[in-house]
Every structure is written in C-alpha cells, then in structure tokens.
N, C-alpha and C. Protein backbone atom coordinates (compact mmCIF):
# COMPACT_ATOMS: atom_id res chain seq x y z
N MET A 1 49.07 -8.06 29.75
CA MET A 1 47.71 -8.24 30.22
C MET A 1 46.80 -8.45 29.02
N MET A 2 45.94 -9.41 29.11
CA MET A 2 45.04 -9.74 28.02
C MET A 2 43.77 -8.90 28.12
N GLY A 3 43.51 -8.06 27.09
CA GLY A 3 42.34 -7.19 27.12
C GLY A 3 41.15 -7.85 26.46
N ASP A 4 39.99 -7.27 26.66
CA ASP A 4 38.79 -7.76 26.00
C ASP A 4 38.65 -7.03 24.67
N SER A 5 39.35 -7.51 23.66
CA SER A 5 39.33 -6.88 22.34
C SER A 5 38.06 -7.25 21.60
N THR A 6 37.64 -6.38 20.73
CA THR A 6 36.49 -6.65 19.87
C THR A 6 36.88 -6.36 18.45
N ASP A 7 35.97 -6.66 17.54
CA ASP A 7 36.28 -6.43 16.14
C ASP A 7 36.46 -4.95 15.84
N SER A 8 35.98 -4.05 16.69
CA SER A 8 36.18 -2.63 16.45
C SER A 8 37.63 -2.23 16.72
N ASP A 9 38.42 -3.11 17.34
CA ASP A 9 39.83 -2.83 17.59
C ASP A 9 40.67 -3.00 16.34
N SER A 10 40.14 -3.63 15.33
CA SER A 10 40.90 -3.90 14.12
C SER A 10 41.29 -2.60 13.44
N THR A 11 42.51 -2.55 12.92
CA THR A 11 42.95 -1.34 12.23
C THR A 11 42.53 -1.34 10.77
N GLU A 12 42.08 -2.48 10.27
CA GLU A 12 41.63 -2.54 8.88
C GLU A 12 40.16 -2.13 8.80
N THR A 13 39.83 -1.41 7.75
CA THR A 13 38.44 -1.01 7.55
C THR A 13 37.98 -1.46 6.19
N THR A 14 36.69 -1.64 6.05
CA THR A 14 36.12 -2.01 4.77
C THR A 14 35.81 -0.74 4.00
N THR A 15 36.35 -0.66 2.79
CA THR A 15 36.12 0.53 1.98
C THR A 15 35.18 0.24 0.81
N GLU A 16 34.78 -1.01 0.68
CA GLU A 16 33.91 -1.38 -0.42
C GLU A 16 32.54 -0.74 -0.24
N GLU A 17 32.04 -0.18 -1.33
CA GLU A 17 30.68 0.34 -1.34
C GLU A 17 29.87 -0.54 -2.26
N ARG A 18 28.67 -0.88 -1.83
CA ARG A 18 27.86 -1.82 -2.58
C ARG A 18 26.43 -1.32 -2.63
N VAL A 19 25.83 -1.47 -3.81
CA VAL A 19 24.42 -1.16 -3.99
C VAL A 19 23.75 -2.43 -4.49
N THR A 20 22.66 -2.82 -3.87
CA THR A 20 21.93 -4.01 -4.28
C THR A 20 20.60 -3.57 -4.87
N ILE A 21 20.32 -4.04 -6.06
CA ILE A 21 19.05 -3.75 -6.72
C ILE A 21 18.32 -5.08 -6.89
N THR A 22 17.11 -5.17 -6.39
CA THR A 22 16.32 -6.39 -6.52
C THR A 22 15.19 -6.13 -7.51
N LEU A 23 15.13 -6.94 -8.54
CA LEU A 23 14.07 -6.85 -9.53
C LEU A 23 13.14 -8.03 -9.34
N THR A 24 11.93 -7.77 -8.93
CA THR A 24 10.95 -8.83 -8.74
C THR A 24 10.19 -9.02 -10.05
N ASP A 25 10.00 -10.27 -10.42
CA ASP A 25 9.30 -10.62 -11.66
C ASP A 25 10.02 -10.12 -12.91
N TYR A 26 11.33 -9.97 -12.85
CA TYR A 26 12.13 -9.62 -14.03
C TYR A 26 12.13 -10.84 -14.94
N PRO A 27 11.80 -10.68 -16.22
CA PRO A 27 11.69 -11.85 -17.11
C PRO A 27 13.08 -12.40 -17.51
N VAL A 28 13.64 -13.23 -16.65
CA VAL A 28 14.95 -13.82 -16.90
C VAL A 28 14.82 -14.94 -17.93
N PRO A 29 15.58 -14.85 -19.03
CA PRO A 29 15.51 -15.92 -20.03
C PRO A 29 15.94 -17.27 -19.45
N VAL A 30 15.33 -18.34 -19.91
CA VAL A 30 15.64 -19.68 -19.43
C VAL A 30 16.95 -20.20 -20.02
N ALA A 31 17.18 -19.96 -21.31
CA ALA A 31 18.40 -20.43 -21.97
C ALA A 31 19.61 -19.68 -21.39
N GLU A 32 20.66 -20.43 -21.04
CA GLU A 32 21.81 -19.83 -20.37
C GLU A 32 22.48 -18.73 -21.20
N ASP A 33 22.65 -18.94 -22.50
CA ASP A 33 23.27 -17.92 -23.36
C ASP A 33 22.43 -16.65 -23.38
N ASP A 34 21.11 -16.81 -23.51
CA ASP A 34 20.21 -15.65 -23.53
C ASP A 34 20.23 -14.94 -22.16
N ARG A 35 20.31 -15.73 -21.10
CA ARG A 35 20.36 -15.16 -19.75
C ARG A 35 21.62 -14.31 -19.58
N GLU A 36 22.77 -14.86 -19.99
CA GLU A 36 24.04 -14.12 -19.88
C GLU A 36 24.00 -12.83 -20.69
N THR A 37 23.46 -12.90 -21.89
CA THR A 37 23.34 -11.71 -22.74
C THR A 37 22.44 -10.67 -22.08
N GLY A 38 21.33 -11.11 -21.53
CA GLY A 38 20.41 -10.19 -20.86
C GLY A 38 21.01 -9.55 -19.63
N LEU A 39 21.75 -10.34 -18.83
CA LEU A 39 22.38 -9.80 -17.63
C LEU A 39 23.51 -8.82 -17.99
N GLU A 40 24.26 -9.12 -19.04
CA GLU A 40 25.30 -8.19 -19.49
C GLU A 40 24.69 -6.89 -19.97
N ALA A 41 23.55 -6.97 -20.67
CA ALA A 41 22.86 -5.75 -21.13
C ALA A 41 22.38 -4.94 -19.92
N LEU A 42 21.91 -5.62 -18.88
CA LEU A 42 21.48 -4.92 -17.67
C LEU A 42 22.66 -4.23 -16.99
N GLU A 43 23.80 -4.90 -16.92
CA GLU A 43 25.01 -4.31 -16.35
C GLU A 43 25.43 -3.06 -17.13
N ASP A 44 25.41 -3.15 -18.47
CA ASP A 44 25.77 -2.01 -19.32
C ASP A 44 24.81 -0.85 -19.12
N ALA A 45 23.52 -1.15 -19.02
CA ALA A 45 22.52 -0.10 -18.84
C ALA A 45 22.71 0.62 -17.51
N ILE A 46 23.04 -0.13 -16.45
CA ILE A 46 23.28 0.49 -15.14
C ILE A 46 24.50 1.39 -15.20
N SER A 47 25.56 0.93 -15.85
CA SER A 47 26.78 1.72 -15.98
C SER A 47 26.50 3.03 -16.72
N GLN A 48 25.74 2.98 -17.81
CA GLN A 48 25.42 4.18 -18.58
C GLN A 48 24.48 5.10 -17.80
N LEU A 49 23.54 4.54 -17.09
CA LEU A 49 22.59 5.33 -16.33
C LEU A 49 23.27 6.13 -15.22
N LEU A 50 24.22 5.51 -14.53
CA LEU A 50 24.90 6.18 -13.42
C LEU A 50 25.84 7.28 -13.89
N ASP A 51 26.32 7.17 -15.12
CA ASP A 51 27.19 8.17 -15.73
C ASP A 51 28.39 8.50 -14.84
N VAL A 52 28.99 7.47 -14.25
CA VAL A 52 30.22 7.62 -13.48
C VAL A 52 31.21 6.60 -14.00
N ASN A 53 32.46 6.78 -13.64
CA ASN A 53 33.50 5.90 -14.14
C ASN A 53 33.51 4.58 -13.36
N ILE A 54 32.68 3.64 -13.80
CA ILE A 54 32.61 2.32 -13.18
C ILE A 54 33.06 1.30 -14.22
N ALA A 55 34.04 0.50 -13.87
CA ALA A 55 34.52 -0.54 -14.77
C ALA A 55 33.43 -1.60 -14.91
N PRO A 56 33.24 -2.14 -16.10
CA PRO A 56 32.23 -3.19 -16.28
C PRO A 56 32.40 -4.37 -15.32
N ALA A 57 33.64 -4.67 -14.95
CA ALA A 57 33.89 -5.78 -14.03
C ALA A 57 33.39 -5.48 -12.62
N ASP A 58 33.12 -4.21 -12.32
CA ASP A 58 32.65 -3.83 -10.98
C ASP A 58 31.13 -3.90 -10.86
N ILE A 59 30.44 -4.25 -11.93
CA ILE A 59 28.99 -4.41 -11.89
C ILE A 59 28.69 -5.87 -12.17
N THR A 60 27.97 -6.50 -11.26
CA THR A 60 27.65 -7.91 -11.41
C THR A 60 26.15 -8.11 -11.30
N ALA A 61 25.57 -8.77 -12.28
CA ALA A 61 24.15 -9.12 -12.23
C ALA A 61 24.06 -10.63 -12.08
N ARG A 62 23.24 -11.08 -11.14
CA ARG A 62 23.05 -12.51 -10.89
C ARG A 62 21.57 -12.79 -10.76
N VAL A 63 21.22 -14.03 -10.98
CA VAL A 63 19.83 -14.46 -10.87
C VAL A 63 19.67 -15.27 -9.60
N GLY A 64 18.57 -15.06 -8.88
CA GLY A 64 18.27 -15.85 -7.69
C GLY A 64 18.73 -15.17 -6.42
N HIS A 65 18.54 -15.84 -5.29
CA HIS A 65 18.92 -15.31 -3.99
C HIS A 65 20.39 -15.61 -3.72
N HIS A 66 21.07 -14.66 -3.09
CA HIS A 66 22.48 -14.84 -2.75
C HIS A 66 22.67 -14.47 -1.29
N TYR A 67 23.65 -15.10 -0.66
CA TYR A 67 23.88 -14.92 0.76
C TYR A 67 25.25 -14.33 1.01
N VAL A 68 25.36 -13.61 2.10
CA VAL A 68 26.64 -13.08 2.54
C VAL A 68 27.33 -14.15 3.36
N GLN A 69 28.62 -14.30 3.17
CA GLN A 69 29.38 -15.28 3.94
C GLN A 69 30.76 -14.72 4.22
N ILE A 70 31.25 -14.95 5.41
CA ILE A 70 32.62 -14.57 5.73
C ILE A 70 33.37 -15.82 6.16
N GLY A 71 34.68 -15.77 6.12
CA GLY A 71 35.50 -16.90 6.52
C GLY A 71 35.64 -16.99 8.03
N ASP A 72 36.33 -18.01 8.49
CA ASP A 72 36.54 -18.18 9.93
C ASP A 72 37.94 -17.73 10.32
N ASP A 73 38.45 -16.72 9.61
CA ASP A 73 39.77 -16.21 9.93
C ASP A 73 39.67 -14.95 10.79
N CYS A 74 40.67 -14.72 11.59
CA CYS A 74 40.73 -13.59 12.51
C CYS A 74 40.79 -12.28 11.72
N PRO A 75 39.95 -11.30 12.07
CA PRO A 75 39.97 -10.04 11.35
C PRO A 75 41.24 -9.22 11.61
N ARG A 76 41.99 -9.56 12.64
CA ARG A 76 43.21 -8.81 12.95
C ARG A 76 44.44 -9.44 12.31
N CYS A 77 44.66 -10.75 12.51
CA CYS A 77 45.91 -11.36 12.03
C CYS A 77 45.70 -12.39 10.93
N GLY A 78 44.48 -12.79 10.66
CA GLY A 78 44.22 -13.78 9.62
C GLY A 78 44.28 -15.22 10.09
N GLY A 79 44.62 -15.44 11.36
CA GLY A 79 44.65 -16.80 11.90
C GLY A 79 43.25 -17.39 12.00
N THR A 80 43.18 -18.64 12.38
CA THR A 80 41.89 -19.31 12.51
C THR A 80 41.21 -18.92 13.82
N LEU A 81 39.90 -18.70 13.74
CA LEU A 81 39.14 -18.40 14.95
C LEU A 81 38.66 -19.68 15.59
N GLU A 82 38.63 -19.70 16.91
CA GLU A 82 38.05 -20.80 17.66
C GLU A 82 36.73 -20.32 18.24
N LEU A 83 35.70 -21.14 18.12
CA LEU A 83 34.38 -20.78 18.65
C LEU A 83 34.12 -21.57 19.91
N ARG A 84 33.55 -20.88 20.90
CA ARG A 84 33.26 -21.50 22.20
C ARG A 84 31.89 -21.08 22.68
N GLU A 85 31.28 -21.91 23.47
CA GLU A 85 30.05 -21.60 24.19
C GLU A 85 29.05 -20.76 23.40
N TYR A 86 28.23 -21.42 22.65
CA TYR A 86 27.21 -20.70 21.89
C TYR A 86 25.89 -20.67 22.66
N THR A 87 25.10 -19.69 22.37
CA THR A 87 23.75 -19.59 22.93
C THR A 87 22.79 -19.31 21.80
N TYR A 88 21.61 -19.91 21.86
CA TYR A 88 20.59 -19.66 20.86
C TYR A 88 20.00 -18.28 21.08
N CYS A 89 19.70 -17.61 20.00
CA CYS A 89 19.04 -16.31 20.08
C CYS A 89 18.07 -16.22 18.90
N ASP A 90 17.47 -15.10 18.74
CA ASP A 90 16.49 -14.91 17.68
C ASP A 90 17.05 -15.33 16.33
N ASN A 91 16.46 -16.36 15.72
CA ASN A 91 16.82 -16.85 14.40
C ASN A 91 18.28 -17.25 14.25
N GLY A 92 18.90 -17.78 15.26
CA GLY A 92 20.27 -18.22 15.10
C GLY A 92 20.96 -18.46 16.42
N ALA A 93 22.25 -18.15 16.45
CA ALA A 93 23.04 -18.37 17.65
C ALA A 93 24.18 -17.35 17.69
N VAL A 94 24.72 -17.16 18.88
CA VAL A 94 25.89 -16.32 19.09
C VAL A 94 26.92 -17.17 19.81
N ALA A 95 28.15 -17.16 19.32
CA ALA A 95 29.22 -17.94 19.96
C ALA A 95 30.37 -17.00 20.31
N GLU A 96 31.02 -17.28 21.41
CA GLU A 96 32.23 -16.53 21.75
C GLU A 96 33.31 -16.98 20.79
N ALA A 97 34.11 -16.05 20.30
CA ALA A 97 35.17 -16.37 19.36
C ALA A 97 36.48 -15.76 19.84
N ASN A 98 37.57 -16.48 19.63
CA ASN A 98 38.88 -15.91 19.90
C ASN A 98 39.88 -16.48 18.91
N CYS A 99 40.95 -15.74 18.70
CA CYS A 99 41.96 -16.14 17.74
C CYS A 99 42.79 -17.29 18.32
N ALA A 100 43.06 -18.28 17.48
CA ALA A 100 43.85 -19.44 17.90
C ALA A 100 45.32 -19.10 18.07
N HIS A 101 45.74 -17.92 17.62
CA HIS A 101 47.15 -17.54 17.70
C HIS A 101 47.50 -16.80 18.99
N ALA A 102 46.70 -16.98 20.03
CA ALA A 102 47.03 -16.37 21.32
C ALA A 102 48.31 -17.03 21.83
N PRO A 103 49.18 -16.35 22.49
CA PRO A 103 49.10 -14.97 22.95
C PRO A 103 49.58 -13.94 21.93
N ASP A 104 50.04 -14.37 20.74
CA ASP A 104 50.51 -13.39 19.75
C ASP A 104 49.39 -12.47 19.28
N CYS A 105 48.20 -12.99 19.16
CA CYS A 105 47.04 -12.19 18.78
C CYS A 105 45.97 -12.42 19.84
N GLU A 106 45.48 -11.36 20.42
CA GLU A 106 44.50 -11.49 21.50
C GLU A 106 43.10 -11.08 21.07
N TRP A 107 42.81 -11.17 19.77
CA TRP A 107 41.48 -10.77 19.30
C TRP A 107 40.43 -11.68 19.91
N ARG A 108 39.36 -11.06 20.40
CA ARG A 108 38.22 -11.79 20.95
C ARG A 108 36.96 -11.08 20.49
N GLY A 109 35.91 -11.83 20.32
CA GLY A 109 34.65 -11.23 19.92
C GLY A 109 33.54 -12.25 19.91
N ARG A 110 32.53 -12.01 19.08
CA ARG A 110 31.40 -12.91 18.97
C ARG A 110 31.21 -13.31 17.52
N ALA A 111 30.81 -14.53 17.30
CA ALA A 111 30.41 -15.01 15.98
C ALA A 111 28.89 -15.07 15.99
N ILE A 112 28.27 -14.45 15.00
CA ILE A 112 26.82 -14.37 14.94
C ILE A 112 26.33 -15.26 13.81
N TYR A 113 25.43 -16.15 14.12
CA TYR A 113 24.88 -17.08 13.15
C TYR A 113 23.41 -16.77 12.92
N ARG A 114 22.96 -16.88 11.69
CA ARG A 114 21.56 -16.70 11.35
C ARG A 114 21.14 -17.84 10.42
N MET A 115 19.89 -18.23 10.52
CA MET A 115 19.37 -19.22 9.58
C MET A 115 19.18 -18.51 8.24
N ILE A 116 19.82 -19.04 7.19
CA ILE A 116 19.69 -18.43 5.87
C ILE A 116 19.00 -19.36 4.88
N ASP A 117 18.87 -20.62 5.23
CA ASP A 117 18.22 -21.58 4.35
C ASP A 117 17.89 -22.82 5.16
N LEU A 118 16.96 -23.60 4.67
CA LEU A 118 16.67 -24.91 5.23
C LEU A 118 16.81 -25.91 4.09
N GLU A 119 17.56 -26.96 4.32
CA GLU A 119 17.79 -27.96 3.28
C GLU A 119 17.24 -29.30 3.74
N SER A 120 16.72 -30.06 2.78
CA SER A 120 16.20 -31.37 3.11
C SER A 120 16.54 -32.35 2.00
N GLY A 121 16.37 -33.62 2.30
CA GLY A 121 16.63 -34.65 1.31
C GLY A 121 17.88 -35.43 1.64
N PRO A 122 18.18 -36.44 0.83
CA PRO A 122 19.39 -37.24 1.05
C PRO A 122 20.64 -36.37 0.91
N VAL A 123 21.69 -36.72 1.63
CA VAL A 123 22.93 -35.94 1.63
C VAL A 123 23.45 -35.72 0.22
N SER A 124 23.30 -36.68 -0.66
CA SER A 124 23.83 -36.55 -2.01
C SER A 124 22.97 -35.67 -2.91
N ASP A 125 21.74 -35.37 -2.50
CA ASP A 125 20.83 -34.59 -3.34
C ASP A 125 19.98 -33.67 -2.48
N VAL A 126 20.64 -32.74 -1.79
CA VAL A 126 19.94 -31.84 -0.87
C VAL A 126 19.17 -30.79 -1.65
N GLU A 127 17.95 -30.50 -1.18
CA GLU A 127 17.13 -29.48 -1.82
C GLU A 127 16.99 -28.28 -0.90
N SER A 128 17.25 -27.10 -1.44
CA SER A 128 17.15 -25.86 -0.69
C SER A 128 15.72 -25.37 -0.68
N ALA A 129 15.19 -25.01 0.50
CA ALA A 129 13.83 -24.49 0.61
C ALA A 129 13.73 -23.11 -0.05
N VAL A 130 14.83 -22.35 -0.05
CA VAL A 130 14.83 -21.02 -0.68
C VAL A 130 14.88 -21.18 -2.20
N ALA A 131 15.81 -22.01 -2.70
CA ALA A 131 15.95 -22.18 -4.15
C ALA A 131 14.71 -22.80 -4.78
N SER A 132 14.02 -23.66 -4.05
CA SER A 132 12.83 -24.30 -4.61
C SER A 132 11.59 -23.41 -4.52
N GLY A 133 11.71 -22.27 -3.84
CA GLY A 133 10.58 -21.35 -3.72
C GLY A 133 9.66 -21.64 -2.56
N ASP A 134 10.01 -22.62 -1.70
CA ASP A 134 9.17 -22.93 -0.54
C ASP A 134 9.27 -21.84 0.54
N MET A 135 10.40 -21.13 0.56
CA MET A 135 10.60 -20.04 1.53
C MET A 135 11.23 -18.85 0.80
N THR A 136 10.86 -17.66 1.20
CA THR A 136 11.43 -16.45 0.63
C THR A 136 12.28 -15.76 1.70
N PRO A 137 13.56 -15.52 1.39
CA PRO A 137 14.41 -14.88 2.40
C PRO A 137 14.07 -13.40 2.55
N SER A 138 14.41 -12.83 3.70
CA SER A 138 14.29 -11.42 3.94
C SER A 138 15.70 -10.82 3.91
N TYR A 139 15.81 -9.58 3.51
CA TYR A 139 17.12 -8.93 3.42
C TYR A 139 17.15 -7.75 4.38
N TYR A 140 18.24 -7.64 5.13
CA TYR A 140 18.38 -6.59 6.11
C TYR A 140 19.72 -5.88 5.91
N PRO A 141 19.77 -4.58 6.11
CA PRO A 141 21.05 -3.88 5.99
C PRO A 141 21.92 -4.13 7.22
N TYR A 142 23.21 -3.95 7.07
CA TYR A 142 24.12 -4.07 8.21
C TYR A 142 24.22 -2.72 8.87
C-alpha cells in the first residue's frame, strides 16, 4: 500500500550547525588579494574569539548576498524528484513532489519555491537586481 510519506519520514537528519553573521557597511577592500587577506583575518578572529576547537576550514567569510539551494534529489533514496501541479502562494509557489523511483521509493512531499532574485537583460549578460543593489533580500530562519 502506498502511504502519504513526507520529508519527516526520512531517517537521515541534518547535524550541521550554522551561525550567520551579517556585517553591514563592513569596509571590504576592493582589491581581491586585500579582500582575501581581510576575510581570512576575520575568520581567524572569530575562531580565537569563540575559544573552541573549530578548524579554520569550518569558518567561511564571503562578501555579498548568498542564497540557500538544495538539489532535486529525493531525501530518502537520492533519486530524482518529479514535480507536479504547482500553485502560486505568497512570494513563490508550492509543487507536489514525488520520487521518480516509485514503487521502490514512495517518498512524497512538497517543493517550496521562493523568489530570491530578479534578473533582467539579454540572456548572455543577465543583471541581478540583488547584486546591483536595486533590491535588498530579507533573511528568515528555518
């Protein structure tokens, strides 16, 4: 019998812990070498400040806005998800999703889409409204 499985049925859990620090008006150097040196110094300072055993590779400093993205693979078996029947909702859409490996994998759920950027211009030279400063993204916790 095929059940109505959801992503909460998955036996895998995310153990990653993440802290995001946003510095507004931080004076980022324009020269790439100077920028890399400054970001590495910021990473080192955070590691020393926390006074815990954190490997330098586990601290990443980046400039600009960054987005979260996940793949279109099934959270249970890793197969490809198929999306069906979407509906528009607040700032995006929701689509029904199911694993393409049925009946071996019966994972079913929803794919949630949100507008994260608006791009314009010719296909070969698209300009991001967020990167150009025309729009400022908002950040929300999960």
